[in-house]
Amino acid sequence: MDRNNLVVKPKRHYDSSHRRRQAQRSQQAILDVARRLFLAAGYPATTIASIAEAADVSVDSIYKTFGGKAGLVRAIWERGLAGSGPIPAWQRSDEMGAREADPRTIVRNWGKLTVEVAPLVAPILLLIRAAAGADPEMARLQAEVDRARLSRMEFNARRLADGRGLRRGITLQMAGDVLWTYSSPELYELLVLRRGWSAEDYGAFIAEAMIAALLPGTPGNRVGQDSSGGDSSESG
């Protein structure tokens, strides 16, 4: 055959971005299934095999990607922290805090972000807490998420303090502890899961509670003001 008549096929370009998108979609599907099964059956009763079957993937692929059950739970927790918007919730919080001067507006916006994030994160934190007593990996994960949450709340407390938003007598450590308490999964469990509050009511409640606990009172609405007009709290 004449070499000049040969048809040379062009080289097929390898689309790595398409493969990455496919892998990400597969990972998200696995996390969706794992979250549903963990919350329905509990951590001990949920197996990697049951997750793999429900997600229509191999057991090996789950171990390779997530490293096992504890890795799946960590990935579900991290995904929940990002919220449901295209920009991660923590990034939106930081950008809002950097441009907003009024501490009350900052705290109320934190409450709005809580409406988005808490339903995704709090049930997973409660799952971790329940499993930590019997599973060393989950005990280590609980310690990790507790440290991460406290570190975030200390960061938020410093933001309020830097903007001179804290009431006189409230130390930076106290402010971080108050924010850590009001962001706890236990409070979400009590009010939303057990008492049936909506996420919106819950977010508004913790925002106003944090304002009352940390920020100076305003004229006509001072924190701790009694019926005689006296102020039983310090304000600054």
C-alpha atoms as a PDB file:
ATOM      1  CA  MET A   1       0.000   0.000   0.000  1.00  0.00           C
ATOM      2  CA  ASP A   2       1.218   3.444  -0.915  1.00  0.00           C
ATOM      3  CA  ARG A   3       2.379   5.174   2.230  1.00  0.00           C
ATOM      4  CA  ASN A   4       1.003   8.460   0.874  1.00  0.00           C
ATOM      5  CA  ASN A   5      -2.516   6.995   0.845  1.00  0.00           C
ATOM      6  CA  LEU A   6      -2.458   6.057   4.516  1.00  0.00           C
ATOM      7  CA  VAL A   7      -4.892   8.018   6.670  1.00  0.00           C
ATOM      8  CA  VAL A   8      -3.248   9.100   9.886  1.00  0.00           C
ATOM      9  CA  LYS A   9      -5.751   9.484  12.703  1.00  0.00           C
ATOM     10  CA  PRO A  10      -5.184  12.504  14.917  1.00  0.00           C
ATOM     11  CA  LYS A  11      -4.085  11.792  18.452  1.00  0.00           C
ATOM     12  CA  ARG A  12      -6.902  11.784  20.993  1.00  0.00           C
ATOM     13  CA  HIS A  13      -6.283  14.361  23.698  1.00  0.00           C
ATOM     14  CA  TYR A  14      -6.684  13.080  27.214  1.00  0.00           C
ATOM     15  CA  ASP A  15      -9.316  15.166  28.996  1.00  0.00           C
ATOM     16  CA  SER A  16      -8.121  15.057  32.595  1.00  0.00           C
ATOM     17  CA  SER A  17     -10.622  17.695  33.714  1.00  0.00           C
ATOM     18  CA  HIS A  18     -13.511  15.507  32.576  1.00  0.00           C
ATOM     19  CA  ARG A  19     -12.099  12.542  34.478  1.00  0.00           C
ATOM     20  CA  ARG A  20     -11.716  14.680  37.595  1.00  0.00           C
ATOM     21  CA  ARG A  21     -15.327  15.848  37.352  1.00  0.00           C
ATOM     22  CA  GLN A  22     -16.489  12.264  36.998  1.00  0.00           C
ATOM     23  CA  ALA A  23     -14.446  11.233  40.025  1.00  0.00           C
ATOM     24  CA  GLN A  24     -15.832  14.122  42.074  1.00  0.00           C
ATOM     25  CA  ARG A  25     -19.405  13.216  41.140  1.00  0.00           C
ATOM     26  CA  SER A  26     -18.743   9.619  42.130  1.00  0.00           C
ATOM     27  CA  GLN A  27     -17.250  10.701  45.464  1.00  0.00           C
ATOM     28  CA  GLN A  28     -20.192  12.964  46.213  1.00  0.00           C
ATOM     29  CA  ALA A  29     -22.617  10.142  45.422  1.00  0.00           C
ATOM     30  CA  ILE A  30     -20.752   7.839  47.801  1.00  0.00           C
ATOM     31  CA  LEU A  31     -20.875  10.489  50.535  1.00  0.00           C
ATOM     32  CA  ASP A  32     -24.614  10.996  49.964  1.00  0.00           C
ATOM     33  CA  VAL A  33     -25.255   7.283  50.380  1.00  0.00           C
ATOM     34  CA  ALA A  34     -22.920   6.951  53.365  1.00  0.00           C
ATOM     35  CA  ARG A  35     -24.531   9.881  55.170  1.00  0.00           C
ATOM     36  CA  ARG A  36     -28.003   8.432  54.660  1.00  0.00           C
ATOM     37  CA  LEU A  37     -27.004   4.986  55.899  1.00  0.00           C
ATOM     38  CA  PHE A  38     -24.976   6.234  58.862  1.00  0.00           C
ATOM     39  CA  LEU A  39     -27.823   8.420  60.100  1.00  0.00           C
ATOM     40  CA  ALA A  40     -30.431   5.718  59.522  1.00  0.00           C
ATOM     41  CA  ALA A  41     -28.616   2.717  61.026  1.00  0.00           C
ATOM     42  CA  GLY A  42     -25.856   4.230  63.137  1.00  0.00           C
ATOM     43  CA  TYR A  43     -22.111   4.024  62.755  1.00  0.00           C
ATOM     44  CA  PRO A  44     -21.444   0.482  64.086  1.00  0.00           C
ATOM     45  CA  ALA A  45     -24.171  -1.183  62.022  1.00  0.00           C
ATOM     46  CA  THR A  46     -23.236   0.517  58.757  1.00  0.00           C
ATOM     47  CA  THR A  47     -20.587  -1.382  56.803  1.00  0.00           C
ATOM     48  CA  ILE A  48     -18.392  -0.375  53.913  1.00  0.00           C
ATOM     49  CA  ALA A  49     -19.947  -3.257  51.970  1.00  0.00           C
ATOM     50  CA  SER A  50     -23.465  -1.890  52.469  1.00  0.00           C
ATOM     51  CA  ILE A  51     -22.357   1.586  51.382  1.00  0.00           C
ATOM     52  CA  ALA A  52     -20.592   0.190  48.321  1.00  0.00           C
ATOM     53  CA  GLU A  53     -23.641  -1.835  47.320  1.00  0.00           C
ATOM     54  CA  ALA A  54     -26.021   1.108  47.718  1.00  0.00           C
ATOM     55  CA  ALA A  55     -23.679   3.442  45.837  1.00  0.00           C
ATOM     56  CA  ASP A  56     -22.979   0.823  43.129  1.00  0.00           C
ATOM     57  CA  VAL A  57     -19.202   1.022  43.571  1.00  0.00           C
ATOM     58  CA  SER A  58     -16.584  -1.442  44.737  1.00  0.00           C
ATOM     59  CA  VAL A  59     -15.495  -1.796  48.334  1.00  0.00           C
ATOM     60  CA  ASP A  60     -11.901  -1.265  47.231  1.00  0.00           C
ATOM     61  CA  SER A  61     -12.750   2.079  45.638  1.00  0.00           C
ATOM     62  CA  ILE A  62     -14.184   3.366  48.914  1.00  0.00           C
ATOM     63  CA  TYR A  63     -11.121   2.268  50.876  1.00  0.00           C
ATOM     64  CA  LYS A  64      -8.837   3.758  48.238  1.00  0.00           C
ATOM     65  CA  THR A  65     -10.629   7.117  48.237  1.00  0.00           C
ATOM     66  CA  PHE A  66     -11.665   7.542  51.877  1.00  0.00           C
ATOM     67  CA  GLY A  67      -9.629   5.043  53.852  1.00  0.00           C
ATOM     68  CA  GLY A  68     -12.574   3.390  55.589  1.00  0.00           C
ATOM     69  CA  LYS A  69     -15.597   4.312  57.688  1.00  0.00           C
ATOM     70  CA  ALA A  70     -13.951   7.019  59.792  1.00  0.00           C
ATOM     71  CA  GLY A  71     -12.580   8.639  56.642  1.00  0.00           C
ATOM     72  CA  LEU A  72     -16.060   8.688  55.163  1.00  0.00           C
ATOM     73  CA  VAL A  73     -17.456  10.397  58.248  1.00  0.00           C
ATOM     74  CA  ARG A  74     -14.644  12.959  58.203  1.00  0.00           C
ATOM     75  CA  ALA A  75     -15.345  13.714  54.534  1.00  0.00           C
ATOM     76  CA  ILE A  76     -19.086  14.100  55.222  1.00  0.00           C
ATOM     77  CA  TRP A  77     -18.316  16.494  58.094  1.00  0.00           C
ATOM     78  CA  GLU A  78     -15.903  18.567  55.983  1.00  0.00           C
ATOM     79  CA  ARG A  79     -18.411  18.761  53.148  1.00  0.00           C
ATOM     80  CA  GLY A  80     -21.113  19.910  55.556  1.00  0.00           C
ATOM     81  CA  LEU A  81     -18.929  22.744  56.846  1.00  0.00           C
ATOM     82  CA  ALA A  82     -18.869  24.189  53.329  1.00  0.00           C
ATOM     83  CA  GLY A  83     -22.659  24.557  53.350  1.00  0.00           C
ATOM     84  CA  SER A  84     -24.812  24.291  50.269  1.00  0.00           C
ATOM     85  CA  GLY A  85     -23.741  27.355  48.291  1.00  0.00           C
ATOM     86  CA  PRO A  86     -21.132  27.608  45.517  1.00  0.00           C
ATOM     87  CA  ILE A  87     -18.786  29.473  47.896  1.00  0.00           C
ATOM     88  CA  PRO A  88     -17.852  27.662  51.153  1.00  0.00           C
ATOM     89  CA  ALA A  89     -19.778  28.925  54.168  1.00  0.00           C
ATOM     90  CA  TRP A  90     -16.626  29.664  56.157  1.00  0.00           C
ATOM     91  CA  GLN A  91     -15.317  31.813  53.296  1.00  0.00           C
ATOM     92  CA  ARG A  92     -18.586  33.733  53.081  1.00  0.00           C
ATOM     93  CA  SER A  93     -18.461  34.242  56.853  1.00  0.00           C
ATOM     94  CA  ASP A  94     -14.913  35.625  56.693  1.00  0.00           C
ATOM     95  CA  GLU A  95     -15.711  37.954  53.806  1.00  0.00           C
ATOM     96  CA  MET A  96     -18.837  39.227  55.538  1.00  0.00           C
ATOM     97  CA  GLY A  97     -16.991  39.818  58.817  1.00  0.00           C
ATOM     98  CA  ALA A  98     -14.201  41.699  57.054  1.00  0.00           C
ATOM     99  CA  ARG A  99     -16.537  44.177  55.372  1.00  0.00           C
ATOM    100  CA  GLU A 100     -19.208  44.541  58.103  1.00  0.00           C
ATOM    101  CA  ALA A 101     -18.583  46.958  60.976  1.00  0.00           C
ATOM    102  CA  ASP A 102     -21.690  46.384  63.131  1.00  0.00           C
ATOM    103  CA  PRO A 103     -21.117  43.433  65.507  1.00  0.00           C
ATOM    104  CA  ARG A 104     -24.857  42.751  65.760  1.00  0.00           C
ATOM    105  CA  THR A 105     -25.110  42.390  62.011  1.00  0.00           C
ATOM    106  CA  ILE A 106     -22.097  40.070  62.031  1.00  0.00           C
ATOM    107  CA  VAL A 107     -23.634  37.818  64.668  1.00  0.00           C
ATOM    108  CA  ARG A 108     -27.046  37.780  62.964  1.00  0.00           C
ATOM    109  CA  ASN A 109     -25.365  36.809  59.702  1.00  0.00           C
ATOM    110  CA  TRP A 110     -23.642  33.980  61.570  1.00  0.00           C
ATOM    111  CA  GLY A 111     -27.112  32.886  62.625  1.00  0.00           C
ATOM    112  CA  LYS A 112     -28.225  32.855  58.989  1.00  0.00           C
ATOM    113  CA  LEU A 113     -25.242  30.724  58.006  1.00  0.00           C
ATOM    114  CA  THR A 114     -26.119  28.386  60.865  1.00  0.00           C
ATOM    115  CA  VAL A 115     -29.511  27.791  59.229  1.00  0.00           C
ATOM    116  CA  GLU A 116     -27.628  26.452  56.208  1.00  0.00           C
ATOM    117  CA  VAL A 117     -24.765  24.583  57.874  1.00  0.00           C
ATOM    118  CA  ALA A 118     -26.154  23.141  61.128  1.00  0.00           C
ATOM    119  CA  PRO A 119     -28.594  20.665  59.498  1.00  0.00           C
ATOM    120  CA  LEU A 120     -25.670  19.300  57.476  1.00  0.00           C
ATOM    121  CA  VAL A 121     -23.089  19.184  60.264  1.00  0.00           C
ATOM    122  CA  ALA A 122     -24.829  18.743  63.628  1.00  0.00           C
ATOM    123  CA  PRO A 123     -26.278  15.251  62.946  1.00  0.00           C
ATOM    124  CA  ILE A 124     -22.809  14.067  61.881  1.00  0.00           C
ATOM    125  CA  LEU A 125     -21.217  15.510  65.032  1.00  0.00           C
ATOM    126  CA  LEU A 126     -23.821  13.679  67.096  1.00  0.00           C
ATOM    127  CA  LEU A 127     -23.034  10.480  65.159  1.00  0.00           C
ATOM    128  CA  ILE A 128     -19.339  10.933  65.944  1.00  0.00           C
ATOM    129  CA  ARG A 129     -20.102  11.527  69.620  1.00  0.00           C
ATOM    130  CA  ALA A 130     -22.226   8.381  69.822  1.00  0.00           C
ATOM    131  CA  ALA A 131     -19.560   6.211  68.192  1.00  0.00           C
ATOM    132  CA  ALA A 132     -16.531   7.687  69.973  1.00  0.00           C
ATOM    133  CA  GLY A 133     -17.025   5.699  73.174  1.00  0.00           C
ATOM    134  CA  ALA A 134     -16.463   2.343  71.484  1.00  0.00           C
ATOM    135  CA  ASP A 135     -14.357   3.181  68.430  1.00  0.00           C
ATOM    136  CA  PRO A 136     -10.816   4.637  68.802  1.00  0.00           C
ATOM    137  CA  GLU A 137     -10.835   6.126  65.299  1.00  0.00           C
ATOM    138  CA  MET A 138     -14.067   7.956  66.030  1.00  0.00           C
ATOM    139  CA  ALA A 139     -12.722   9.099  69.398  1.00  0.00           C
ATOM    140  CA  ARG A 140      -9.778  10.663  67.595  1.00  0.00           C
ATOM    141  CA  LEU A 141     -12.135  12.232  65.065  1.00  0.00           C
ATOM    142  CA  GLN A 142     -14.273  13.650  67.863  1.00  0.00           C
ATOM    143  CA  ALA A 143     -11.196  15.269  69.409  1.00  0.00           C
ATOM    144  CA  GLU A 144     -10.283  16.673  65.990  1.00  0.00           C
ATOM    145  CA  VAL A 145     -13.688  18.175  65.282  1.00  0.00           C
ATOM    146  CA  ASP A 146     -13.936  19.614  68.802  1.00  0.00           C
ATOM    147  CA  ARG A 147     -10.576  21.341  68.360  1.00  0.00           C
ATOM    148  CA  ALA A 148     -11.562  22.621  64.933  1.00  0.00           C
ATOM    149  CA  ARG A 149     -14.885  24.013  66.159  1.00  0.00           C
ATOM    150  CA  LEU A 150     -13.291  25.687  69.185  1.00  0.00           C
ATOM    151  CA  SER A 151     -10.548  27.175  67.004  1.00  0.00           C
ATOM    152  CA  ARG A 152     -13.179  28.602  64.651  1.00  0.00           C
ATOM    153  CA  MET A 153     -15.186  30.095  67.494  1.00  0.00           C
ATOM    154  CA  GLU A 154     -12.033  31.640  68.997  1.00  0.00           C
ATOM    155  CA  PHE A 155     -11.357  33.201  65.601  1.00  0.00           C
ATOM    156  CA  ASN A 156     -14.883  34.628  65.542  1.00  0.00           C
ATOM    157  CA  ALA A 157     -14.458  35.923  69.099  1.00  0.00           C
ATOM    158  CA  ARG A 158     -11.279  37.759  68.089  1.00  0.00           C
ATOM    159  CA  ARG A 159     -13.174  39.357  65.225  1.00  0.00           C
ATOM    160  CA  LEU A 160     -15.737  40.748  67.664  1.00  0.00           C
ATOM    161  CA  ALA A 161     -13.035  41.860  70.074  1.00  0.00           C
ATOM    162  CA  ASP A 162     -11.015  43.576  67.344  1.00  0.00           C
ATOM    163  CA  GLY A 163     -14.104  45.538  66.377  1.00  0.00           C
ATOM    164  CA  ARG A 164     -14.620  46.542  70.038  1.00  0.00           C
ATOM    165  CA  GLY A 165     -17.857  44.598  70.006  1.00  0.00           C
ATOM    166  CA  LEU A 166     -17.484  42.699  73.270  1.00  0.00           C
ATOM    167  CA  ARG A 167     -19.234  43.904  76.415  1.00  0.00           C
ATOM    168  CA  ARG A 168     -16.956  45.077  79.199  1.00  0.00           C
ATOM    169  CA  GLY A 169     -16.021  42.180  81.456  1.00  0.00           C
ATOM    170  CA  ILE A 170     -16.227  39.569  78.680  1.00  0.00           C
ATOM    171  CA  THR A 171     -12.775  38.144  78.056  1.00  0.00           C
ATOM    172  CA  LEU A 172     -11.670  36.735  74.739  1.00  0.00           C
ATOM    173  CA  GLN A 173     -11.676  33.217  76.189  1.00  0.00           C
ATOM    174  CA  MET A 174     -15.183  33.670  77.578  1.00  0.00           C
ATOM    175  CA  ALA A 175     -16.400  34.940  74.207  1.00  0.00           C
ATOM    176  CA  GLY A 176     -14.921  31.931  72.412  1.00  0.00           C
ATOM    177  CA  ASP A 177     -16.494  29.564  74.928  1.00  0.00           C
ATOM    178  CA  VAL A 178     -19.907  31.217  74.552  1.00  0.00           C
ATOM    179  CA  LEU A 179     -19.754  30.961  70.758  1.00  0.00           C
ATOM    180  CA  TRP A 180     -18.552  27.358  71.057  1.00  0.00           C
ATOM    181  CA  THR A 181     -21.489  26.521  73.334  1.00  0.00           C
ATOM    182  CA  TYR A 182     -24.140  28.105  71.133  1.00  0.00           C
ATOM    183  CA  SER A 183     -22.728  26.369  68.058  1.00  0.00           C
ATOM    184  CA  SER A 184     -22.761  22.965  69.765  1.00  0.00           C
ATOM    185  CA  PRO A 185     -24.527  19.992  68.192  1.00  0.00           C
ATOM    186  CA  GLU A 186     -26.086  19.305  71.602  1.00  0.00           C
ATOM    187  CA  LEU A 187     -28.095  22.543  71.443  1.00  0.00           C
ATOM    188  CA  TYR A 188     -29.214  21.690  67.908  1.00  0.00           C
ATOM    189  CA  GLU A 189     -30.228  18.251  69.146  1.00  0.00           C
ATOM    190  CA  LEU A 190     -32.315  19.684  71.992  1.00  0.00           C
ATOM    191  CA  LEU A 191     -34.154  22.377  70.061  1.00  0.00           C
ATOM    192  CA  VAL A 192     -34.394  21.079  66.490  1.00  0.00           C
ATOM    193  CA  LEU A 193     -34.279  17.281  66.711  1.00  0.00           C
ATOM    194  CA  ARG A 194     -36.094  16.849  70.023  1.00  0.00           C
ATOM    195  CA  ARG A 195     -38.327  19.915  70.303  1.00  0.00           C
ATOM    196  CA  GLY A 196     -39.056  20.328  66.614  1.00  0.00           C
ATOM    197  CA  TRP A 197     -37.815  23.870  66.067  1.00  0.00           C
ATOM    198  CA  SER A 198     -37.249  24.909  62.477  1.00  0.00           C
ATOM    199  CA  ALA A 199     -33.683  25.619  61.398  1.00  0.00           C
ATOM    200  CA  GLU A 200     -34.695  29.231  60.815  1.00  0.00           C
ATOM    201  CA  ASP A 201     -36.025  29.659  64.361  1.00  0.00           C
ATOM    202  CA  TYR A 202     -32.933  27.940  65.727  1.00  0.00           C
ATOM    203  CA  GLY A 203     -30.544  30.201  63.789  1.00  0.00           C
ATOM    204  CA  ALA A 204     -32.396  33.348  64.883  1.00  0.00           C
ATOM    205  CA  PHE A 205     -32.453  32.188  68.511  1.00  0.00           C
ATOM    206  CA  ILE A 206     -28.738  31.484  68.798  1.00  0.00           C
ATOM    207  CA  ALA A 207     -27.878  34.780  67.090  1.00  0.00           C
ATOM    208  CA  GLU A 208     -29.949  36.798  69.562  1.00  0.00           C
ATOM    209  CA  ALA A 209     -28.646  34.707  72.471  1.00  0.00           C
ATOM    210  CA  MET A 210     -25.034  35.385  71.454  1.00  0.00           C
ATOM    211  CA  ILE A 211     -25.779  39.088  71.084  1.00  0.00           C
ATOM    212  CA  ALA A 212     -27.322  39.178  74.553  1.00  0.00           C
ATOM    213  CA  ALA A 213     -24.420  37.246  76.068  1.00  0.00           C
ATOM    214  CA  LEU A 214     -21.530  39.088  74.445  1.00  0.00           C
ATOM    215  CA  LEU A 215     -22.372  42.524  73.109  1.00  0.00           C
ATOM    216  CA  PRO A 216     -23.052  45.798  74.924  1.00  0.00           C
ATOM    217  CA  GLY A 217     -26.695  46.679  75.525  1.00  0.00           C
ATOM    218  CA  THR A 218     -28.274  49.410  73.421  1.00  0.00           C
ATOM    219  CA  PRO A 219     -30.283  52.369  74.785  1.00  0.00           C
ATOM    220  CA  GLY A 220     -33.802  51.205  75.609  1.00  0.00           C
ATOM    221  CA  ASN A 221     -32.792  47.573  75.279  1.00  0.00           C
ATOM    222  CA  ARG A 222     -29.876  47.051  77.623  1.00  0.00           C
ATOM    223  CA  VAL A 223     -28.809  43.539  78.491  1.00  0.00           C
ATOM    224  CA  GLY A 224     -29.883  42.690  82.041  1.00  0.00           C
ATOM    225  CA  GLN A 225     -32.023  45.813  82.463  1.00  0.00           C
ATOM    226  CA  ASP A 226     -34.662  45.381  85.170  1.00  0.00           C
ATOM    227  CA  SER A 227     -38.169  46.861  85.295  1.00  0.00           C
ATOM    228  CA  SER A 228     -37.038  49.848  87.381  1.00  0.00           C
ATOM    229  CA  GLY A 229     -34.691  50.967  84.618  1.00  0.00           C
ATOM    230  CA  GLY A 230     -31.532  49.860  86.433  1.00  0.00           C
ATOM    231  CA  ASP A 231     -28.885  47.933  84.600  1.00  0.00           C
ATOM    232  CA  SER A 232     -27.672  44.801  86.327  1.00  0.00           C
ATOM    233  CA  SER A 233     -24.981  44.113  83.729  1.00  0.00           C
ATOM    234  CA  GLU A 234     -21.858  45.905  82.697  1.00  0.00           C
ATOM    235  CA  SER A 235     -21.900  47.625  79.330  1.00  0.00           C
ATOM    236  CA  GLY A 236     -19.242  49.345  77.410  1.00  0.00           C
END
